[in-house]
Structures are given as C-alpha cells and as structure tokens.
Amino acid sequence: MYNLMNYHTEHGNKTVLVGPKGRKLVPILMMEASGLTVRKVPLTEERYLREIPLPPHSRGIKTVARRFKSFGARTGMTKAAKSFLSNLNNAA
C-alpha cells in the first residue's frame, strides 16, 4: 500500500511517498533539491511519519505520483525512484 505522508527529519519536514513495509525497512520516495531519491528507513522511524489526507480534487494516489514524476523529470531522479514510481503505477 502506497501512502502520502509527512516525514519529520532533523532537517525539517518533507512530503514523501511511502511504499509497502518490509520486515525491517520501509521505502520512502523523497523530494529533495537534488531530485527524487528513495531512502529505506527502519520500522522504528515510523513514529516520525504522519499521513496527509489527499486533497478533495485529487483522484487518488496516481495523481500524487504524477506530480512526483514531473518533479523528478525537472530535477532528476535515481533509477530506484523510477522503479518505485513504476511499481506504484502497477499496484494502483
């Protein structure tokens, strides 16, 4: 299950897409100045994640994924980020 969440880090709050949980790690797709990157954070870091309700005019998580993809096209994205977005589109 993919969710739009707010991630509180030591550098501030970031809007992230969270992928399906693993046994020890959770993959998150972050928008950073360098582009889109995928980070795998431990399950203990879940306490820093807060769910963001989707806006009423949004049609779902695919709309959010499209915005992340366009940001990545402008600023660059890693291969892992491309794979994360393609997995999201296949799952949704």
C-alpha atoms as a PDB file:
ATOM      1  CA  MET A   1       0.000   0.000   0.000  1.00  0.00           C
ATOM      2  CA  TYR A   2       1.375   3.380  -1.011  1.00  0.00           C
ATOM      3  CA  ASN A   3       0.586   6.483   1.081  1.00  0.00           C
ATOM      4  CA  LEU A   4       1.330  10.189   1.005  1.00  0.00           C
ATOM      5  CA  MET A   5       2.940  11.156   4.309  1.00  0.00           C
ATOM      6  CA  ASN A   6       4.798  13.899   6.133  1.00  0.00           C
ATOM      7  CA  TYR A   7       8.243  12.787   7.366  1.00  0.00           C
ATOM      8  CA  HIS A   8       9.814  14.726  10.231  1.00  0.00           C
ATOM      9  CA  THR A   9      13.621  14.659   9.895  1.00  0.00           C
ATOM     10  CA  GLU A  10      16.387  16.559  11.645  1.00  0.00           C
ATOM     11  CA  HIS A  11      16.434  18.834   8.575  1.00  0.00           C
ATOM     12  CA  GLY A  12      12.720  19.659   8.713  1.00  0.00           C
ATOM     13  CA  ASN A  13       9.508  18.172   7.381  1.00  0.00           C
ATOM     14  CA  LYS A  14       9.366  16.519   3.973  1.00  0.00           C
ATOM     15  CA  THR A  15       6.460  15.250   1.934  1.00  0.00           C
ATOM     16  CA  VAL A  16       7.149  11.652   0.934  1.00  0.00           C
ATOM     17  CA  LEU A  17       5.507   8.668  -0.709  1.00  0.00           C
ATOM     18  CA  VAL A  18       5.747   5.574   1.466  1.00  0.00           C
ATOM     19  CA  GLY A  19       5.877   2.130  -0.121  1.00  0.00           C
ATOM     20  CA  PRO A  20       4.901  -1.249   1.277  1.00  0.00           C
ATOM     21  CA  LYS A  21       6.589  -2.219   4.541  1.00  0.00           C
ATOM     22  CA  GLY A  22       9.270  -4.822   4.597  1.00  0.00           C
ATOM     23  CA  ARG A  23      10.304  -6.924   7.544  1.00  0.00           C
ATOM     24  CA  LYS A  24      12.824  -4.355   8.810  1.00  0.00           C
ATOM     25  CA  LEU A  25      12.705  -1.365   6.438  1.00  0.00           C
ATOM     26  CA  VAL A  26      10.175   0.968   4.838  1.00  0.00           C
ATOM     27  CA  PRO A  27      10.998   2.506   1.428  1.00  0.00           C
ATOM     28  CA  ILE A  28      10.168   6.199   1.084  1.00  0.00           C
ATOM     29  CA  LEU A  29      10.385   8.399  -2.021  1.00  0.00           C
ATOM     30  CA  MET A  30      11.637  11.871  -1.093  1.00  0.00           C
ATOM     31  CA  MET A  31      11.610  15.156  -2.979  1.00  0.00           C
ATOM     32  CA  GLU A  32      14.971  16.800  -2.377  1.00  0.00           C
ATOM     33  CA  ALA A  33      16.869  19.635  -4.030  1.00  0.00           C
ATOM     34  CA  SER A  34      18.957  17.061  -5.910  1.00  0.00           C
ATOM     35  CA  GLY A  35      15.814  15.345  -7.258  1.00  0.00           C
ATOM     36  CA  LEU A  36      13.822  12.267  -6.326  1.00  0.00           C
ATOM     37  CA  THR A  37      15.562   9.694  -4.179  1.00  0.00           C
ATOM     38  CA  VAL A  38      14.473   6.521  -2.433  1.00  0.00           C
ATOM     39  CA  ARG A  39      15.511   6.025   1.169  1.00  0.00           C
ATOM     40  CA  LYS A  40      14.949   2.877   3.171  1.00  0.00           C
ATOM     41  CA  VAL A  41      14.338   3.754   6.798  1.00  0.00           C
ATOM     42  CA  PRO A  42      13.968   1.312   9.722  1.00  0.00           C
ATOM     43  CA  LEU A  43      10.495   0.474  11.006  1.00  0.00           C
ATOM     44  CA  THR A  44      11.394   2.284  14.235  1.00  0.00           C
ATOM     45  CA  GLU A  45      11.350   5.569  12.267  1.00  0.00           C
ATOM     46  CA  GLU A  46       7.631   5.127  11.535  1.00  0.00           C
ATOM     47  CA  ARG A  47       6.821   7.287  14.528  1.00  0.00           C
ATOM     48  CA  TYR A  48       8.078  10.281  12.505  1.00  0.00           C
ATOM     49  CA  LEU A  49       5.613   9.627   9.663  1.00  0.00           C
ATOM     50  CA  ARG A  50       2.184  11.290   9.670  1.00  0.00           C
ATOM     51  CA  GLU A  51      -0.399  10.591   6.993  1.00  0.00           C
ATOM     52  CA  ILE A  52      -1.512  13.504   4.830  1.00  0.00           C
ATOM     53  CA  PRO A  53      -5.119  13.304   3.621  1.00  0.00           C
ATOM     54  CA  LEU A  54      -5.389  13.589  -0.140  1.00  0.00           C
ATOM     55  CA  PRO A  55      -6.942  16.850  -1.378  1.00  0.00           C
ATOM     56  CA  PRO A  56     -10.612  16.610  -2.384  1.00  0.00           C
ATOM     57  CA  HIS A  57      -9.907  17.498  -6.025  1.00  0.00           C
ATOM     58  CA  SER A  58      -7.306  14.727  -6.261  1.00  0.00           C
ATOM     59  CA  ARG A  59      -8.376  11.464  -7.873  1.00  0.00           C
ATOM     60  CA  GLY A  60      -6.077   9.339  -5.753  1.00  0.00           C
ATOM     61  CA  ILE A  61      -2.504   8.332  -5.249  1.00  0.00           C
ATOM     62  CA  LYS A  62      -1.871   8.195  -9.016  1.00  0.00           C
ATOM     63  CA  THR A  63      -2.321  11.976  -9.211  1.00  0.00           C
ATOM     64  CA  VAL A  64       0.255  12.440  -6.466  1.00  0.00           C
ATOM     65  CA  ALA A  65       2.606  10.019  -8.243  1.00  0.00           C
ATOM     66  CA  ARG A  66       2.259  12.057 -11.442  1.00  0.00           C
ATOM     67  CA  ARG A  67       3.337  15.194  -9.574  1.00  0.00           C
ATOM     68  CA  PHE A  68       6.339  13.400  -8.090  1.00  0.00           C
ATOM     69  CA  LYS A  69       7.251  12.119 -11.559  1.00  0.00           C
ATOM     70  CA  SER A  70       7.079  15.591 -13.122  1.00  0.00           C
ATOM     71  CA  PHE A  71       9.267  16.965 -10.318  1.00  0.00           C
ATOM     72  CA  GLY A  72      11.762  14.180 -10.987  1.00  0.00           C
ATOM     73  CA  ALA A  73      11.732  14.917 -14.708  1.00  0.00           C
ATOM     74  CA  ARG A  74      12.662  18.542 -13.993  1.00  0.00           C
ATOM     75  CA  THR A  75      15.291  17.969 -11.309  1.00  0.00           C
ATOM     76  CA  GLY A  76      16.436  14.401 -11.925  1.00  0.00           C
ATOM     77  CA  MET A  77      15.710  11.075 -10.305  1.00  0.00           C
ATOM     78  CA  THR A  78      17.584   7.921  -9.452  1.00  0.00           C
ATOM     79  CA  LYS A  79      16.924   4.513 -11.010  1.00  0.00           C
ATOM     80  CA  ALA A  80      15.422   3.392  -7.719  1.00  0.00           C
ATOM     81  CA  ALA A  81      12.974   6.327  -7.846  1.00  0.00           C
ATOM     82  CA  LYS A  82      11.898   5.379 -11.388  1.00  0.00           C
ATOM     83  CA  SER A  83      11.356   1.806 -10.282  1.00  0.00           C
ATOM     84  CA  PHE A  84       9.414   2.973  -7.179  1.00  0.00           C
ATOM     85  CA  LEU A  85       7.058   5.052  -9.348  1.00  0.00           C
ATOM     86  CA  SER A  86       6.554   2.264 -11.892  1.00  0.00           C
ATOM     87  CA  ASN A  87       5.738  -0.195  -9.077  1.00  0.00           C
ATOM     88  CA  LEU A  88       3.252   2.326  -7.695  1.00  0.00           C
ATOM     89  CA  ASN A  89       1.523   2.651 -11.074  1.00  0.00           C
ATOM     90  CA  ASN A  90       1.353  -1.136 -11.454  1.00  0.00           C
ATOM     91  CA  ALA A  91      -0.084  -1.583  -7.953  1.00  0.00           C
ATOM     92  CA  ALA A  92      -2.693   1.208  -8.163  1.00  0.00           C
END
